[in-house]
Amino acid sequence: MAVSKSLCKRYHGDDAGIAPARGAPEVTLQEGGAPGSAMAGKAAGKPPEEILLDWKREQASLKARVVDLDTEAWQRDPAFSGLQRVGGVDVSFVKDDSGSACASLVVLSYPELEVLYEDCRMVTLTAPYVSGFLAFRELPFLVDAVQQLRQREPCLMPQVLFVDGNGVLHHRGFGVACHLGVLTDLPCIGVAKKLLQVDGLENNALHKEKIQLLKAGGDSFPLMGGSGTILGRALRSHDHSTKPLYVSVGHKISLEAAVRLTHSCCKFRIPEPVRQADIRSRDYIRRTQEVQGVPAPQSGRSKEAQRPKACPQGVSEEPAGTSKGTPAGRKACPRF
């Protein structure tokens, strides 16, 4: 199926970058939640302990709905026959303002990996970042973007979503990719750039030795926790990239199919759906700031640098490998 980039449907501000267009205004969810969801917390500051308990209870409740098996015929096909659209989501932050961000959803054709649809919107994040609870800060906007697409362009709905973060590879087995998959009822894959050290997984010398044995794109090895559960796989996503990706099941797909599809969607190290969502969200922020007279942010600024610098206290699951004398900065808080 040949696809022209001119067919891409865009739902966001006008070319000036600030005027809302076609039903995609700037979004503010004052309670950090989505309709019908228990995603709730204080508008600013550290959530009280009871809110963290509510979040944990919601994760536990939704976790029971996670399906870690192939549910679609295309997932069981060696060439993914029948798969035509893959989606990716991303949230990029405005420099020096951890509360302002651009939430983006893109849909690409498969296997061509050409962008068919994009939705970028400026959002105000009022829920704080808490290690292990990323979904309660960012997902309401991404779930809304998927719902908007389902209503206005159902023929462009993705058949699977890629998320920059973890799925079942998580402290409580329910990362952001699981959360998004359950709330949207779509197959979902978690793809993280750093190893989340849980259940005995460590980025130690043995782990690094295993990485060295990944000789070509598509090579991978299982991430088996101390409990004996395989939580994901470390994947060399491209021949020219030596840094692995950490792939885990989000929802309605097996780990084997998730790893194969992730590799199939990589023109570079990062799967193209996530890569395009990131590129387009950053570009939307840049164009918005240009119109507002704000100096353009420095290029090459990492996602880690964009996020809040501290994980609020009161969270017991500080990522392993962070010394007690080191503040729990963003670099020590992988996306999950």
C-alpha atoms as a PDB file:
ATOM      1  CA  MET A   1       0.000   0.000   0.000  1.00  0.00           C
ATOM      2  CA  ALA A   2       1.730   3.154  -1.196  1.00  0.00           C
ATOM      3  CA  VAL A   3       1.055   6.108   1.060  1.00  0.00           C
ATOM      4  CA  SER A   4       1.691   9.771   0.344  1.00  0.00           C
ATOM      5  CA  LYS A   5       2.657  12.115   3.156  1.00  0.00           C
ATOM      6  CA  SER A   6       0.169  14.585   1.726  1.00  0.00           C
ATOM      7  CA  LEU A   7      -2.578  12.308   3.033  1.00  0.00           C
ATOM      8  CA  CYS A   8      -1.630  13.024   6.631  1.00  0.00           C
ATOM      9  CA  LYS A   9      -4.523  14.531   8.593  1.00  0.00           C
ATOM     10  CA  ARG A  10      -3.444  17.053  11.204  1.00  0.00           C
ATOM     11  CA  TYR A  11      -5.472  18.101  14.203  1.00  0.00           C
ATOM     12  CA  HIS A  12      -3.767  20.855  16.133  1.00  0.00           C
ATOM     13  CA  GLY A  13      -3.150  24.596  16.157  1.00  0.00           C
ATOM     14  CA  ASP A  14      -2.882  26.530  12.915  1.00  0.00           C
ATOM     15  CA  ASP A  15       0.469  27.167  11.223  1.00  0.00           C
ATOM     16  CA  ALA A  16       1.102  29.921  13.726  1.00  0.00           C
ATOM     17  CA  GLY A  17       1.033  27.261  16.390  1.00  0.00           C
ATOM     18  CA  ILE A  18      -1.356  28.821  18.902  1.00  0.00           C
ATOM     19  CA  ALA A  19      -4.919  28.858  17.571  1.00  0.00           C
ATOM     20  CA  PRO A  20      -6.804  25.646  18.363  1.00  0.00           C
ATOM     21  CA  ALA A  21      -8.085  23.874  15.288  1.00  0.00           C
ATOM     22  CA  ARG A  22     -10.807  21.346  14.532  1.00  0.00           C
ATOM     23  CA  GLY A  23     -11.721  20.499  18.086  1.00  0.00           C
ATOM     24  CA  ALA A  24      -8.204  20.190  19.514  1.00  0.00           C
ATOM     25  CA  PRO A  25      -7.870  23.096  21.982  1.00  0.00           C
ATOM     26  CA  GLU A  26      -5.361  23.495  24.739  1.00  0.00           C
ATOM     27  CA  VAL A  27      -6.384  21.044  27.415  1.00  0.00           C
ATOM     28  CA  THR A  28      -6.256  21.427  31.178  1.00  0.00           C
ATOM     29  CA  LEU A  29      -7.395  18.648  33.482  1.00  0.00           C
ATOM     30  CA  GLN A  30      -7.375  20.318  36.864  1.00  0.00           C
ATOM     31  CA  GLU A  31      -7.538  17.073  38.769  1.00  0.00           C
ATOM     32  CA  GLY A  32      -5.132  15.223  36.506  1.00  0.00           C
ATOM     33  CA  GLY A  33      -7.875  12.773  35.614  1.00  0.00           C
ATOM     34  CA  ALA A  34     -10.037  11.513  32.818  1.00  0.00           C
ATOM     35  CA  PRO A  35     -13.830  11.190  32.857  1.00  0.00           C
ATOM     36  CA  GLY A  36     -14.886   8.019  34.627  1.00  0.00           C
ATOM     37  CA  SER A  37     -11.403   7.438  36.007  1.00  0.00           C
ATOM     38  CA  ALA A  38     -10.014   7.531  39.532  1.00  0.00           C
ATOM     39  CA  MET A  39      -7.048   9.499  38.205  1.00  0.00           C
ATOM     40  CA  ALA A  40      -7.255  12.236  40.777  1.00  0.00           C
ATOM     41  CA  GLY A  41      -4.890  14.218  42.949  1.00  0.00           C
ATOM     42  CA  LYS A  42      -4.054  17.655  44.188  1.00  0.00           C
ATOM     43  CA  ALA A  43      -3.677  20.236  41.434  1.00  0.00           C
ATOM     44  CA  ALA A  44      -0.153  21.039  42.559  1.00  0.00           C
ATOM     45  CA  GLY A  45       2.415  19.831  45.036  1.00  0.00           C
ATOM     46  CA  LYS A  46       3.040  16.368  46.411  1.00  0.00           C
ATOM     47  CA  PRO A  47      -0.061  14.185  46.544  1.00  0.00           C
ATOM     48  CA  PRO A  48      -1.032  13.270  50.091  1.00  0.00           C
ATOM     49  CA  GLU A  49      -0.518   9.691  51.143  1.00  0.00           C
ATOM     50  CA  GLU A  50      -4.191   8.869  50.651  1.00  0.00           C
ATOM     51  CA  ILE A  51      -3.968   9.920  47.008  1.00  0.00           C
ATOM     52  CA  LEU A  52      -1.003   7.611  46.469  1.00  0.00           C
ATOM     53  CA  LEU A  53      -3.034   4.823  48.018  1.00  0.00           C
ATOM     54  CA  ASP A  54      -5.918   5.625  45.656  1.00  0.00           C
ATOM     55  CA  TRP A  55      -3.531   5.470  42.715  1.00  0.00           C
ATOM     56  CA  LYS A  56      -2.165   2.129  43.871  1.00  0.00           C
ATOM     57  CA  ARG A  57      -5.681   0.767  44.245  1.00  0.00           C
ATOM     58  CA  GLU A  58      -6.600   1.915  40.743  1.00  0.00           C
ATOM     59  CA  GLN A  59      -3.470   0.311  39.301  1.00  0.00           C
ATOM     60  CA  ALA A  60      -4.301  -2.949  41.074  1.00  0.00           C
ATOM     61  CA  SER A  61      -7.891  -2.854  39.838  1.00  0.00           C
ATOM     62  CA  LEU A  62      -6.991  -2.118  36.223  1.00  0.00           C
ATOM     63  CA  LYS A  63      -4.118  -4.623  36.264  1.00  0.00           C
ATOM     64  CA  ALA A  64      -6.681  -7.411  36.526  1.00  0.00           C
ATOM     65  CA  ARG A  65      -7.893  -6.437  33.042  1.00  0.00           C
ATOM     66  CA  VAL A  66      -4.484  -6.681  31.334  1.00  0.00           C
ATOM     67  CA  VAL A  67      -4.287  -9.321  28.597  1.00  0.00           C
ATOM     68  CA  ASP A  68      -0.764 -10.523  27.796  1.00  0.00           C
ATOM     69  CA  LEU A  69      -1.725 -12.769  24.888  1.00  0.00           C
ATOM     70  CA  ASP A  70      -2.235 -12.133  21.182  1.00  0.00           C
ATOM     71  CA  THR A  71      -5.843 -11.138  20.605  1.00  0.00           C
ATOM     72  CA  GLU A  72      -5.693 -10.169  16.906  1.00  0.00           C
ATOM     73  CA  ALA A  73      -5.075 -12.403  13.895  1.00  0.00           C
ATOM     74  CA  TRP A  74      -2.343 -10.120  12.534  1.00  0.00           C
ATOM     75  CA  GLN A  75      -0.306 -10.595  15.707  1.00  0.00           C
ATOM     76  CA  ARG A  76       0.035 -14.316  15.009  1.00  0.00           C
ATOM     77  CA  ASP A  77       1.061 -13.848  11.377  1.00  0.00           C
ATOM     78  CA  PRO A  78       4.850 -13.939  10.747  1.00  0.00           C
ATOM     79  CA  ALA A  79       4.571 -10.919   8.424  1.00  0.00           C
ATOM     80  CA  PHE A  80       1.830  -9.174  10.441  1.00  0.00           C
ATOM     81  CA  SER A  81      -0.566  -9.518   7.513  1.00  0.00           C
ATOM     82  CA  GLY A  82      -3.676  -7.477   8.222  1.00  0.00           C
ATOM     83  CA  LEU A  83      -1.839  -4.824  10.215  1.00  0.00           C
ATOM     84  CA  GLN A  84      -2.245  -1.487   8.436  1.00  0.00           C
ATOM     85  CA  ARG A  85      -1.965   1.243  11.098  1.00  0.00           C
ATOM     86  CA  VAL A  86       0.379   1.641  14.069  1.00  0.00           C
ATOM     87  CA  GLY A  87       0.190   4.493  16.570  1.00  0.00           C
ATOM     88  CA  GLY A  88       2.588   6.269  18.881  1.00  0.00           C
ATOM     89  CA  VAL A  89       2.098   8.728  21.738  1.00  0.00           C
ATOM     90  CA  ASP A  90       4.381  11.230  23.407  1.00  0.00           C
ATOM     91  CA  VAL A  91       4.381  14.108  25.879  1.00  0.00           C
ATOM     92  CA  SER A  92       7.104  16.747  25.393  1.00  0.00           C
ATOM     93  CA  PHE A  93       7.682  19.469  27.945  1.00  0.00           C
ATOM     94  CA  VAL A  94       8.225  23.192  27.503  1.00  0.00           C
ATOM     95  CA  LYS A  95      11.710  24.189  28.619  1.00  0.00           C
ATOM     96  CA  ASP A  96      11.849  25.494  32.204  1.00  0.00           C
ATOM     97  CA  ASP A  97       8.134  24.807  32.689  1.00  0.00           C
ATOM     98  CA  SER A  98       7.389  21.270  33.840  1.00  0.00           C
ATOM     99  CA  GLY A  99       3.662  22.018  33.896  1.00  0.00           C
ATOM    100  CA  SER A 100       3.333  22.983  30.223  1.00  0.00           C
ATOM    101  CA  ALA A 101       3.640  20.300  27.606  1.00  0.00           C
ATOM    102  CA  CYS A 102       2.561  19.092  24.200  1.00  0.00           C
ATOM    103  CA  ALA A 103       0.669  15.809  24.041  1.00  0.00           C
ATOM    104  CA  SER A 104       0.824  14.092  20.676  1.00  0.00           C
ATOM    105  CA  LEU A 105      -0.710  11.088  18.980  1.00  0.00           C
ATOM    106  CA  VAL A 106       0.422   9.925  15.560  1.00  0.00           C
ATOM    107  CA  VAL A 107      -0.792   7.107  13.347  1.00  0.00           C
ATOM    108  CA  LEU A 108       1.465   5.598  10.704  1.00  0.00           C
ATOM    109  CA  SER A 109       0.796   3.220   7.855  1.00  0.00           C
ATOM    110  CA  TYR A 110       2.271  -0.249   8.146  1.00  0.00           C
ATOM    111  CA  PRO A 111       4.628  -1.457   6.807  1.00  0.00           C
ATOM    112  CA  GLU A 112       5.480   1.822   5.018  1.00  0.00           C
ATOM    113  CA  LEU A 113       5.682   3.783   8.297  1.00  0.00           C
ATOM    114  CA  GLU A 114       4.377   6.984   6.717  1.00  0.00           C
ATOM    115  CA  VAL A 115       2.407   9.383   8.926  1.00  0.00           C
ATOM    116  CA  LEU A 116      -1.334   9.270   8.220  1.00  0.00           C
ATOM    117  CA  TYR A 117      -2.599  11.301  11.168  1.00  0.00           C
ATOM    118  CA  GLU A 118      -1.244  13.565  13.876  1.00  0.00           C
ATOM    119  CA  ASP A 119      -2.857  15.330  16.800  1.00  0.00           C
ATOM    120  CA  CYS A 120      -0.717  17.772  18.789  1.00  0.00           C
ATOM    121  CA  ARG A 121      -2.135  19.901  21.586  1.00  0.00           C
ATOM    122  CA  MET A 122      -0.704  22.097  24.317  1.00  0.00           C
ATOM    123  CA  VAL A 123      -1.723  20.856  27.750  1.00  0.00           C
ATOM    124  CA  THR A 124      -1.308  21.936  31.347  1.00  0.00           C
ATOM    125  CA  LEU A 125      -0.145  19.174  33.652  1.00  0.00           C
ATOM    126  CA  THR A 126      -1.395  19.748  37.172  1.00  0.00           C
ATOM    127  CA  ALA A 127      -0.732  16.338  38.713  1.00  0.00           C
ATOM    128  CA  PRO A 128       2.841  16.032  40.013  1.00  0.00           C
ATOM    129  CA  TYR A 129       5.351  13.503  38.761  1.00  0.00           C
ATOM    130  CA  VAL A 130       5.602  10.615  41.219  1.00  0.00           C
ATOM    131  CA  SER A 131       7.904   7.680  40.563  1.00  0.00           C
ATOM    132  CA  GLY A 132       5.833   4.693  39.490  1.00  0.00           C
ATOM    133  CA  PHE A 133       2.708   6.725  38.720  1.00  0.00           C
ATOM    134  CA  LEU A 134       3.531   8.465  35.426  1.00  0.00           C
ATOM    135  CA  ALA A 135       0.144   7.536  33.979  1.00  0.00           C
ATOM    136  CA  PHE A 136      -1.722   9.729  36.453  1.00  0.00           C
ATOM    137  CA  ARG A 137       0.222  12.766  35.221  1.00  0.00           C
ATOM    138  CA  GLU A 138       0.249  12.263  31.456  1.00  0.00           C
ATOM    139  CA  LEU A 139      -2.285   9.670  30.330  1.00  0.00           C
ATOM    140  CA  PRO A 140      -5.518  11.685  30.616  1.00  0.00           C
ATOM    141  CA  PHE A 141      -4.451  13.823  27.657  1.00  0.00           C
ATOM    142  CA  LEU A 142      -3.333  10.840  25.575  1.00  0.00           C
ATOM    143  CA  VAL A 143      -6.509   8.895  26.309  1.00  0.00           C
ATOM    144  CA  ASP A 144      -8.506  11.957  25.255  1.00  0.00           C
ATOM    145  CA  ALA A 145      -6.532  12.168  22.002  1.00  0.00           C
ATOM    146  CA  VAL A 146      -7.348   8.534  21.224  1.00  0.00           C
ATOM    147  CA  GLN A 147     -11.022   9.120  22.027  1.00  0.00           C
ATOM    148  CA  GLN A 148     -11.099  12.176  19.755  1.00  0.00           C
ATOM    149  CA  LEU A 149      -9.599  10.138  16.914  1.00  0.00           C
ATOM    150  CA  ARG A 150     -12.097   7.343  17.472  1.00  0.00           C
ATOM    151  CA  GLN A 151     -14.953   9.852  17.138  1.00  0.00           C
ATOM    152  CA  ARG A 152     -13.831  11.929  14.171  1.00  0.00           C
ATOM    153  CA  GLU A 153     -11.654   9.601  12.060  1.00  0.00           C
ATOM    154  CA  PRO A 154     -12.486   6.013  13.052  1.00  0.00           C
ATOM    155  CA  CYS A 155     -11.001   4.710   9.824  1.00  0.00           C
ATOM    156  CA  LEU A 156      -7.592   5.948  11.024  1.00  0.00           C
ATOM    157  CA  MET A 157      -7.674   4.297  14.447  1.00  0.00           C
ATOM    158  CA  PRO A 158      -4.378   2.517  15.146  1.00  0.00           C
ATOM    159  CA  GLN A 159      -4.465  -1.237  15.582  1.00  0.00           C
ATOM    160  CA  VAL A 160      -1.661  -1.047  18.135  1.00  0.00           C
ATOM    161  CA  LEU A 161      -0.072   1.734  20.191  1.00  0.00           C
ATOM    162  CA  PHE A 162       3.597   2.201  21.064  1.00  0.00           C
ATOM    163  CA  VAL A 163       4.397   3.986  24.319  1.00  0.00           C
ATOM    164  CA  ASP A 164       7.682   5.522  25.470  1.00  0.00           C
ATOM    165  CA  GLY A 165       7.648   3.701  28.801  1.00  0.00           C
ATOM    166  CA  ASN A 166       7.078   0.330  30.421  1.00  0.00           C
ATOM    167  CA  GLY A 167       4.204  -2.102  30.502  1.00  0.00           C
ATOM    168  CA  VAL A 168       4.278  -5.080  32.866  1.00  0.00           C
ATOM    169  CA  LEU A 169       7.944  -4.274  33.527  1.00  0.00           C
ATOM    170  CA  HIS A 170       6.957  -2.165  36.513  1.00  0.00           C
ATOM    171  CA  HIS A 171       7.055  -2.176  40.320  1.00  0.00           C
ATOM    172  CA  ARG A 172       3.440  -3.312  40.504  1.00  0.00           C
ATOM    173  CA  GLY A 173       3.256  -4.913  37.057  1.00  0.00           C
ATOM    174  CA  PHE A 174       1.175  -2.072  35.628  1.00  0.00           C
ATOM    175  CA  GLY A 175       3.176   0.613  33.868  1.00  0.00           C
ATOM    176  CA  VAL A 176       2.012   3.411  31.614  1.00  0.00           C
ATOM    177  CA  ALA A 177       1.707   1.133  28.544  1.00  0.00           C
ATOM    178  CA  CYS A 178      -0.640  -1.204  30.432  1.00  0.00           C
ATOM    179  CA  HIS A 179      -2.655   1.736  31.728  1.00  0.00           C
ATOM    180  CA  LEU A 180      -3.096   3.245  28.272  1.00  0.00           C
ATOM    181  CA  GLY A 181      -3.965  -0.110  26.726  1.00  0.00           C
ATOM    182  CA  VAL A 182      -6.648  -0.922  29.282  1.00  0.00           C
ATOM    183  CA  LEU A 183      -8.240   2.546  29.155  1.00  0.00           C
ATOM    184  CA  THR A 184      -8.343   2.634  25.336  1.00  0.00           C
ATOM    185  CA  ASP A 185      -8.944  -1.113  24.840  1.00  0.00           C
ATOM    186  CA  LEU A 186      -6.147  -1.180  22.256  1.00  0.00           C
ATOM    187  CA  PRO A 187      -3.135  -3.469  21.945  1.00  0.00           C
ATOM    188  CA  CYS A 188      -0.261  -1.576  23.519  1.00  0.00           C
ATOM    189  CA  ILE A 189       3.531  -2.040  23.665  1.00  0.00           C
ATOM    190  CA  GLY A 190       5.884  -0.477  26.185  1.00  0.00           C
ATOM    191  CA  VAL A 191       9.282   0.540  24.822  1.00  0.00           C
ATOM    192  CA  ALA A 192      11.755   2.025  27.298  1.00  0.00           C
ATOM    193  CA  LYS A 193      15.255   3.328  26.655  1.00  0.00           C
ATOM    194  CA  LYS A 194      16.513   2.479  30.145  1.00  0.00           C
ATOM    195  CA  LEU A 195      16.190  -0.630  32.262  1.00  0.00           C
ATOM    196  CA  LEU A 196      13.782  -0.286  35.145  1.00  0.00           C
ATOM    197  CA  GLN A 197      15.494  -2.214  37.919  1.00  0.00           C
ATOM    198  CA  VAL A 198      12.693  -4.133  39.599  1.00  0.00           C
ATOM    199  CA  ASP A 199      12.201  -7.707  40.809  1.00  0.00           C
ATOM    200  CA  GLY A 200      15.947  -8.266  40.995  1.00  0.00           C
ATOM    201  CA  LEU A 201      16.744  -6.921  37.517  1.00  0.00           C
ATOM    202  CA  GLU A 202      19.992  -4.965  37.611  1.00  0.00           C
ATOM    203  CA  ASN A 203      21.994  -3.008  35.082  1.00  0.00           C
ATOM    204  CA  ASN A 204      25.120  -4.775  36.281  1.00  0.00           C
ATOM    205  CA  ALA A 205      28.161  -6.338  34.632  1.00  0.00           C
ATOM    206  CA  LEU A 206      26.248  -9.485  33.663  1.00  0.00           C
ATOM    207  CA  HIS A 207      23.497  -7.427  32.049  1.00  0.00           C
ATOM    208  CA  LYS A 208      26.083  -5.445  30.090  1.00  0.00           C
ATOM    209  CA  GLU A 209      27.723  -8.681  28.933  1.00  0.00           C
ATOM    210  CA  LYS A 210      24.398  -9.876  27.569  1.00  0.00           C
ATOM    211  CA  ILE A 211      23.999  -6.597  25.697  1.00  0.00           C
ATOM    212  CA  GLN A 212      27.378  -7.134  24.053  1.00  0.00           C
ATOM    213  CA  LEU A 213      26.127 -10.462  22.699  1.00  0.00           C
ATOM    214  CA  LEU A 214      23.355  -8.724  20.740  1.00  0.00           C
ATOM    215  CA  LYS A 215      25.123  -8.615  17.387  1.00  0.00           C
ATOM    216  CA  ALA A 216      22.407  -7.537  14.949  1.00  0.00           C
ATOM    217  CA  GLY A 217      19.086  -5.763  14.808  1.00  0.00           C
ATOM    218  CA  GLY A 218      16.373  -8.084  16.061  1.00  0.00           C
ATOM    219  CA  ASP A 219      18.578  -9.901  18.568  1.00  0.00           C
ATOM    220  CA  SER A 220      17.164  -9.921  22.090  1.00  0.00           C
ATOM    221  CA  PHE A 221      17.341 -11.618  25.458  1.00  0.00           C
ATOM    222  CA  PRO A 222      14.715 -12.147  28.169  1.00  0.00           C
ATOM    223  CA  LEU A 223      14.467  -9.983  31.276  1.00  0.00           C
ATOM    224  CA  MET A 224      13.726 -12.540  33.966  1.00  0.00           C
ATOM    225  CA  GLY A 225      13.039 -11.162  37.411  1.00  0.00           C
ATOM    226  CA  GLY A 226      13.941 -12.753  40.701  1.00  0.00           C
ATOM    227  CA  SER A 227      10.403 -14.108  40.894  1.00  0.00           C
ATOM    228  CA  GLY A 228      11.075 -16.201  37.791  1.00  0.00           C
ATOM    229  CA  THR A 229       8.724 -14.095  35.675  1.00  0.00           C
ATOM    230  CA  ILE A 230       9.878 -12.835  32.280  1.00  0.00           C
ATOM    231  CA  LEU A 231       8.992  -9.142  32.439  1.00  0.00           C
ATOM    232  CA  GLY A 232      10.189  -8.153  28.969  1.00  0.00           C
ATOM    233  CA  ARG A 233      13.084  -8.434  26.562  1.00  0.00           C
ATOM    234  CA  ALA A 234      16.142  -6.325  25.841  1.00  0.00           C
ATOM    235  CA  LEU A 235      16.111  -5.730  22.083  1.00  0.00           C
ATOM    236  CA  ARG A 236      18.798  -4.493  19.736  1.00  0.00           C
ATOM    237  CA  SER A 237      16.413  -2.571  17.536  1.00  0.00           C
ATOM    238  CA  HIS A 238      18.770  -1.652  14.685  1.00  0.00           C
ATOM    239  CA  ASP A 239      22.042  -2.905  13.252  1.00  0.00           C
ATOM    240  CA  HIS A 240      23.651   0.489  13.838  1.00  0.00           C
ATOM    241  CA  SER A 241      22.473   0.931  17.419  1.00  0.00           C
ATOM    242  CA  THR A 242      24.313  -0.782  20.267  1.00  0.00           C
ATOM    243  CA  LYS A 243      21.998   0.503  23.008  1.00  0.00           C
ATOM    244  CA  PRO A 244      19.071  -1.859  23.557  1.00  0.00           C
ATOM    245  CA  LEU A 245      15.431  -1.027  24.022  1.00  0.00           C
ATOM    246  CA  TYR A 246      13.448  -2.645  26.802  1.00  0.00           C
ATOM    247  CA  VAL A 247      10.215  -4.018  25.378  1.00  0.00           C
ATOM    248  CA  SER A 248       7.349  -5.164  27.571  1.00  0.00           C
ATOM    249  CA  VAL A 249       3.712  -6.099  27.117  1.00  0.00           C
ATOM    250  CA  GLY A 250       1.219  -3.315  27.641  1.00  0.00           C
ATOM    251  CA  HIS A 251      -2.096  -4.927  26.716  1.00  0.00           C
ATOM    252  CA  LYS A 252      -3.651  -7.395  24.258  1.00  0.00           C
ATOM    253  CA  ILE A 253      -0.401  -8.645  22.712  1.00  0.00           C
ATOM    254  CA  SER A 254       2.183 -11.301  23.514  1.00  0.00           C
ATOM    255  CA  LEU A 255       5.768 -10.421  24.346  1.00  0.00           C
ATOM    256  CA  GLU A 256       7.011 -12.325  21.294  1.00  0.00           C
ATOM    257  CA  ALA A 257       4.782 -10.353  18.922  1.00  0.00           C
ATOM    258  CA  ALA A 258       5.590  -7.086  20.718  1.00  0.00           C
ATOM    259  CA  VAL A 259       9.322  -7.609  20.232  1.00  0.00           C
ATOM    260  CA  ARG A 260       8.978  -8.601  16.572  1.00  0.00           C
ATOM    261  CA  LEU A 261       6.750  -5.635  15.784  1.00  0.00           C
ATOM    262  CA  THR A 262       8.995  -3.198  17.638  1.00  0.00           C
ATOM    263  CA  HIS A 263      11.963  -4.316  15.553  1.00  0.00           C
ATOM    264  CA  SER A 264       9.859  -4.141  12.387  1.00  0.00           C
ATOM    265  CA  CYS A 265       8.939  -0.509  13.139  1.00  0.00           C
ATOM    266  CA  CYS A 266      12.498   0.730  13.710  1.00  0.00           C
ATOM    267  CA  LYS A 267      14.095   2.771  10.936  1.00  0.00           C
ATOM    268  CA  PHE A 268      16.454   3.998  13.620  1.00  0.00           C
ATOM    269  CA  ARG A 269      16.877   2.993  17.264  1.00  0.00           C
ATOM    270  CA  ILE A 270      13.444   4.238  18.409  1.00  0.00           C
ATOM    271  CA  PRO A 271      10.261   2.744  16.896  1.00  0.00           C
ATOM    272  CA  GLU A 272       8.985   5.120  14.251  1.00  0.00           C
ATOM    273  CA  PRO A 273       5.561   5.739  15.852  1.00  0.00           C
ATOM    274  CA  VAL A 274       7.154   6.992  19.084  1.00  0.00           C
ATOM    275  CA  ARG A 275       9.903   8.799  17.199  1.00  0.00           C
ATOM    276  CA  GLN A 276       7.427  10.699  15.020  1.00  0.00           C
ATOM    277  CA  ALA A 277       5.233  11.591  17.993  1.00  0.00           C
ATOM    278  CA  ASP A 278       8.296  13.012  19.732  1.00  0.00           C
ATOM    279  CA  ILE A 279       9.516  14.948  16.685  1.00  0.00           C
ATOM    280  CA  ARG A 280       6.106  16.465  15.990  1.00  0.00           C
ATOM    281  CA  SER A 281       5.382  17.408  19.593  1.00  0.00           C
ATOM    282  CA  ARG A 282       8.722  19.195  19.896  1.00  0.00           C
ATOM    283  CA  ASP A 283       8.144  20.989  16.603  1.00  0.00           C
ATOM    284  CA  TYR A 284       4.687  22.083  17.739  1.00  0.00           C
ATOM    285  CA  ILE A 285       6.150  23.560  20.924  1.00  0.00           C
ATOM    286  CA  ARG A 286       8.803  25.374  18.898  1.00  0.00           C
ATOM    287  CA  ARG A 287       6.264  26.905  16.509  1.00  0.00           C
ATOM    288  CA  THR A 288       3.996  27.883  19.379  1.00  0.00           C
ATOM    289  CA  GLN A 289       6.835  29.641  21.166  1.00  0.00           C
ATOM    290  CA  GLU A 290       7.966  31.422  18.015  1.00  0.00           C
ATOM    291  CA  VAL A 291       4.555  33.024  17.623  1.00  0.00           C
ATOM    292  CA  GLN A 292       4.483  33.971  21.294  1.00  0.00           C
ATOM    293  CA  GLY A 293       7.926  35.550  21.019  1.00  0.00           C
ATOM    294  CA  VAL A 294       9.556  33.021  23.314  1.00  0.00           C
ATOM    295  CA  PRO A 295      13.175  32.143  22.410  1.00  0.00           C
ATOM    296  CA  ALA A 296      13.418  28.696  20.888  1.00  0.00           C
ATOM    297  CA  PRO A 297      14.670  26.041  23.310  1.00  0.00           C
ATOM    298  CA  GLN A 298      18.152  24.649  22.862  1.00  0.00           C
ATOM    299  CA  SER A 299      18.266  21.665  20.554  1.00  0.00           C
ATOM    300  CA  GLY A 300      19.110  18.194  21.706  1.00  0.00           C
ATOM    301  CA  ARG A 301      17.511  18.560  25.114  1.00  0.00           C
ATOM    302  CA  SER A 302      16.679  15.114  26.412  1.00  0.00           C
ATOM    303  CA  LYS A 303      13.286  14.022  27.661  1.00  0.00           C
ATOM    304  CA  GLU A 304      14.875  13.302  31.024  1.00  0.00           C
ATOM    305  CA  ALA A 305      16.018  16.908  31.269  1.00  0.00           C
ATOM    306  CA  GLN A 306      12.520  18.126  30.466  1.00  0.00           C
ATOM    307  CA  ARG A 307      10.902  16.318  33.357  1.00  0.00           C
ATOM    308  CA  PRO A 308      10.602  17.451  36.973  1.00  0.00           C
ATOM    309  CA  LYS A 309      13.924  17.179  38.723  1.00  0.00           C
ATOM    310  CA  ALA A 310      12.724  15.442  41.851  1.00  0.00           C
ATOM    311  CA  CYS A 311      10.593  12.440  42.622  1.00  0.00           C
ATOM    312  CA  PRO A 312       8.346  13.501  45.518  1.00  0.00           C
ATOM    313  CA  GLN A 313       9.067  11.906  48.841  1.00  0.00           C
ATOM    314  CA  GLY A 314       6.810   9.251  50.246  1.00  0.00           C
ATOM    315  CA  VAL A 315       7.399   6.849  47.364  1.00  0.00           C
ATOM    316  CA  SER A 316       9.178   3.709  48.416  1.00  0.00           C
ATOM    317  CA  GLU A 317      10.083   2.362  44.996  1.00  0.00           C
ATOM    318  CA  GLU A 318      13.145   4.493  44.201  1.00  0.00           C
ATOM    319  CA  PRO A 319      14.831   2.894  41.179  1.00  0.00           C
ATOM    320  CA  ALA A 320      17.628   0.552  42.122  1.00  0.00           C
ATOM    321  CA  GLY A 321      21.108   1.845  41.588  1.00  0.00           C
ATOM    322  CA  THR A 322      20.419   5.264  43.088  1.00  0.00           C
ATOM    323  CA  SER A 323      22.595   5.853  46.106  1.00  0.00           C
ATOM    324  CA  LYS A 324      21.007   7.109  49.303  1.00  0.00           C
ATOM    325  CA  GLY A 325      23.105  10.227  49.140  1.00  0.00           C
ATOM    326  CA  THR A 326      21.969  11.081  45.639  1.00  0.00           C
ATOM    327  CA  PRO A 327      18.723  13.020  45.123  1.00  0.00           C
ATOM    328  CA  ALA A 328      16.186  11.047  43.163  1.00  0.00           C
ATOM    329  CA  GLY A 329      16.595  13.204  40.056  1.00  0.00           C
ATOM    330  CA  ARG A 330      14.894  12.569  36.759  1.00  0.00           C
ATOM    331  CA  LYS A 331      17.811  10.506  35.449  1.00  0.00           C
ATOM    332  CA  ALA A 332      17.096   7.990  38.200  1.00  0.00           C
ATOM    333  CA  CYS A 333      13.372   7.917  37.458  1.00  0.00           C
ATOM    334  CA  PRO A 334      12.700   5.943  34.257  1.00  0.00           C
ATOM    335  CA  ARG A 335       9.369   6.359  32.498  1.00  0.00           C
ATOM    336  CA  PHE A 336       6.805   3.990  33.907  1.00  0.00           C
END
